[in-house]
Structure formats: structure tokens, C-alpha cells
Amino acid sequence: MNHIVTVQDAVTAFADFMEPTKAELDAIEQEMPVILADVDLLDAQIITLDRTPTELDERRIRRARRRALAARVTLVNRTASASQPGGAA
């Protein structure tokens, strides 16, 4: 009798107990501004892949990069202040 383990793994990989927990969903929600800013940066960079970037393209990439960095700073500051006892930074 041959057991097909890969099929069993594929079937059970999406079982109900594999759903994300509330803590994981909260972490994703907290990181969503960073994820969206990174997607915007990637979009701006993808636009210039098949052509020479224009001045407008360069400005779009710079703005997207600044937004991505600002979103990361905000996330780091929020998590750092949440982890400090008494809210001190």
C-alpha cells in the first residue's frame, strides 16, 4: 500500500485550525501602512523598468521612498513606545 503523503499534507494544510490568530491579525493590521507604502514604492519602480525614468518618475520614486521610510519610522516608534513600561520612549 502506497501512502501519498504530499496529498495529505496539501489537504490538511488549509484546515480550520491553521487560521491566523487574533494577535497575528492585529500585527498585520499594525504593519499595513508599511506594507501599502512598500507596494506604492514598488509600483513606482516597476513603471520605470522598461524605459528611462523621467523627472516625474524620479519624483514619484523619491516621494514613495520617503512615505515608506516614514511609515517604518512610525511603526518602530509605535512599537517602541508600546514596549516601554509607563509609555516612556
C-alpha atoms as a PDB file:
ATOM      1  CA  MET A   1       0.000   0.000   0.000  1.00  0.00           C
ATOM      2  CA  ASN A   2       1.475   3.304  -1.070  1.00  0.00           C
ATOM      3  CA  HIS A   3       0.768   6.336   1.079  1.00  0.00           C
ATOM      4  CA  ILE A   4       0.576   9.657  -0.685  1.00  0.00           C
ATOM      5  CA  VAL A   5       1.892  11.966   1.994  1.00  0.00           C
ATOM      6  CA  THR A   6       2.072  15.099  -0.122  1.00  0.00           C
ATOM      7  CA  VAL A   7      -1.619  14.956  -0.943  1.00  0.00           C
ATOM      8  CA  GLN A   8      -2.452  14.521   2.748  1.00  0.00           C
ATOM      9  CA  ASP A   9      -0.226  17.474   3.654  1.00  0.00           C
ATOM     10  CA  ALA A  10      -1.854  19.615   0.996  1.00  0.00           C
ATOM     11  CA  VAL A  11      -5.343  18.725   2.214  1.00  0.00           C
ATOM     12  CA  THR A  12      -4.603  19.349   5.885  1.00  0.00           C
ATOM     13  CA  ALA A  13      -2.523  22.468   5.261  1.00  0.00           C
ATOM     14  CA  PHE A  14      -5.700  24.521   4.955  1.00  0.00           C
ATOM     15  CA  ALA A  15      -7.599  23.083   7.890  1.00  0.00           C
ATOM     16  CA  ASP A  16      -9.620  25.363  10.180  1.00  0.00           C
ATOM     17  CA  PHE A  17      -7.009  25.287  12.924  1.00  0.00           C
ATOM     18  CA  MET A  18      -4.497  26.902  10.559  1.00  0.00           C
ATOM     19  CA  GLU A  19      -6.319  30.251  10.524  1.00  0.00           C
ATOM     20  CA  PRO A  20      -4.356  33.263  11.818  1.00  0.00           C
ATOM     21  CA  THR A  21      -4.874  34.143  15.447  1.00  0.00           C
ATOM     22  CA  LYS A  22      -6.254  37.464  16.634  1.00  0.00           C
ATOM     23  CA  ALA A  23      -2.737  38.526  17.675  1.00  0.00           C
ATOM     24  CA  GLU A  24      -1.387  37.750  14.202  1.00  0.00           C
ATOM     25  CA  LEU A  25      -4.219  39.685  12.548  1.00  0.00           C
ATOM     26  CA  ASP A  26      -3.575  42.639  14.892  1.00  0.00           C
ATOM     27  CA  ALA A  27       0.124  42.584  13.966  1.00  0.00           C
ATOM     28  CA  ILE A  28      -0.746  42.595  10.264  1.00  0.00           C
ATOM     29  CA  GLU A  29      -3.156  45.478  10.827  1.00  0.00           C
ATOM     30  CA  GLN A  30      -0.431  47.439  12.620  1.00  0.00           C
ATOM     31  CA  GLU A  31       2.026  46.843   9.768  1.00  0.00           C
ATOM     32  CA  MET A  32      -0.491  47.606   6.999  1.00  0.00           C
ATOM     33  CA  PRO A  33       0.678  51.233   6.423  1.00  0.00           C
ATOM     34  CA  VAL A  34       4.234  49.961   5.876  1.00  0.00           C
ATOM     35  CA  ILE A  35       3.027  47.239   3.519  1.00  0.00           C
ATOM     36  CA  LEU A  36       0.956  49.696   1.473  1.00  0.00           C
ATOM     37  CA  ALA A  37       3.811  52.214   1.318  1.00  0.00           C
ATOM     38  CA  ASP A  38       6.170  49.470   0.108  1.00  0.00           C
ATOM     39  CA  VAL A  39       3.644  48.462  -2.568  1.00  0.00           C
ATOM     40  CA  ASP A  40       3.459  52.090  -3.745  1.00  0.00           C
ATOM     41  CA  LEU A  41       7.257  52.230  -3.924  1.00  0.00           C
ATOM     42  CA  LEU A  42       7.378  49.009  -5.927  1.00  0.00           C
ATOM     43  CA  ASP A  43       4.704  50.333  -8.289  1.00  0.00           C
ATOM     44  CA  ALA A  44       6.731  53.497  -8.873  1.00  0.00           C
ATOM     45  CA  GLN A  45       9.861  51.455  -9.534  1.00  0.00           C
ATOM     46  CA  ILE A  46       8.104  48.960 -11.823  1.00  0.00           C
ATOM     47  CA  ILE A  47       6.851  51.787 -14.021  1.00  0.00           C
ATOM     48  CA  THR A  48      10.441  52.711 -14.869  1.00  0.00           C
ATOM     49  CA  LEU A  49      11.706  49.196 -15.645  1.00  0.00           C
ATOM     50  CA  ASP A  50      11.179  49.334 -19.388  1.00  0.00           C
ATOM     51  CA  ARG A  51      12.023  52.970 -20.037  1.00  0.00           C
ATOM     52  CA  THR A  52      14.363  55.736 -18.983  1.00  0.00           C
ATOM     53  CA  PRO A  53      12.916  57.427 -15.885  1.00  0.00           C
ATOM     54  CA  THR A  54      11.629  60.919 -16.480  1.00  0.00           C
ATOM     55  CA  GLU A  55      11.852  63.707 -13.932  1.00  0.00           C
ATOM     56  CA  LEU A  56       8.273  62.923 -12.906  1.00  0.00           C
ATOM     57  CA  ASP A  57       9.166  59.257 -12.417  1.00  0.00           C
ATOM     58  CA  GLU A  58      12.151  60.179 -10.262  1.00  0.00           C
ATOM     59  CA  ARG A  59       9.982  62.450  -8.107  1.00  0.00           C
ATOM     60  CA  ARG A  60       7.357  59.721  -7.788  1.00  0.00           C
ATOM     61  CA  ILE A  61      10.009  57.239  -6.621  1.00  0.00           C
ATOM     62  CA  ARG A  62      11.512  59.735  -4.144  1.00  0.00           C
ATOM     63  CA  ARG A  63       8.083  60.507  -2.681  1.00  0.00           C
ATOM     64  CA  ALA A  64       7.210  56.818  -2.431  1.00  0.00           C
ATOM     65  CA  ARG A  65      10.566  56.082  -0.770  1.00  0.00           C
ATOM     66  CA  ARG A  66      10.006  58.882   1.764  1.00  0.00           C
ATOM     67  CA  ARG A  67       6.494  57.607   2.522  1.00  0.00           C
ATOM     68  CA  ALA A  68       7.825  54.072   3.002  1.00  0.00           C
ATOM     69  CA  LEU A  69      10.551  55.288   5.361  1.00  0.00           C
ATOM     70  CA  ALA A  70       8.090  57.486   7.270  1.00  0.00           C
ATOM     71  CA  ALA A  71       5.704  54.543   7.666  1.00  0.00           C
ATOM     72  CA  ARG A  72       8.541  52.391   9.016  1.00  0.00           C
ATOM     73  CA  VAL A  73       9.617  55.106  11.465  1.00  0.00           C
ATOM     74  CA  THR A  74       6.041  55.478  12.678  1.00  0.00           C
ATOM     75  CA  LEU A  75       5.723  51.723  13.171  1.00  0.00           C
ATOM     76  CA  VAL A  76       9.037  51.489  15.036  1.00  0.00           C
ATOM     77  CA  ASN A  77       8.156  54.433  17.273  1.00  0.00           C
ATOM     78  CA  ARG A  78       4.722  52.991  17.998  1.00  0.00           C
ATOM     79  CA  THR A  79       6.084  49.552  18.888  1.00  0.00           C
ATOM     80  CA  ALA A  80       8.957  51.029  20.911  1.00  0.00           C
ATOM     81  CA  SER A  81       6.645  53.232  22.960  1.00  0.00           C
ATOM     82  CA  ALA A  82       4.236  50.323  23.489  1.00  0.00           C
ATOM     83  CA  SER A  83       7.044  48.101  24.770  1.00  0.00           C
ATOM     84  CA  GLN A  84       8.409  50.653  27.250  1.00  0.00           C
ATOM     85  CA  PRO A  85       6.934  50.436  30.752  1.00  0.00           C
ATOM     86  CA  GLY A  86       4.885  53.518  31.501  1.00  0.00           C
ATOM     87  CA  GLY A  87       4.962  54.590  27.845  1.00  0.00           C
ATOM     88  CA  ALA A  88       8.352  56.290  28.152  1.00  0.00           C
ATOM     89  CA  ALA A  89      10.393  56.372  24.988  1.00  0.00           C
END
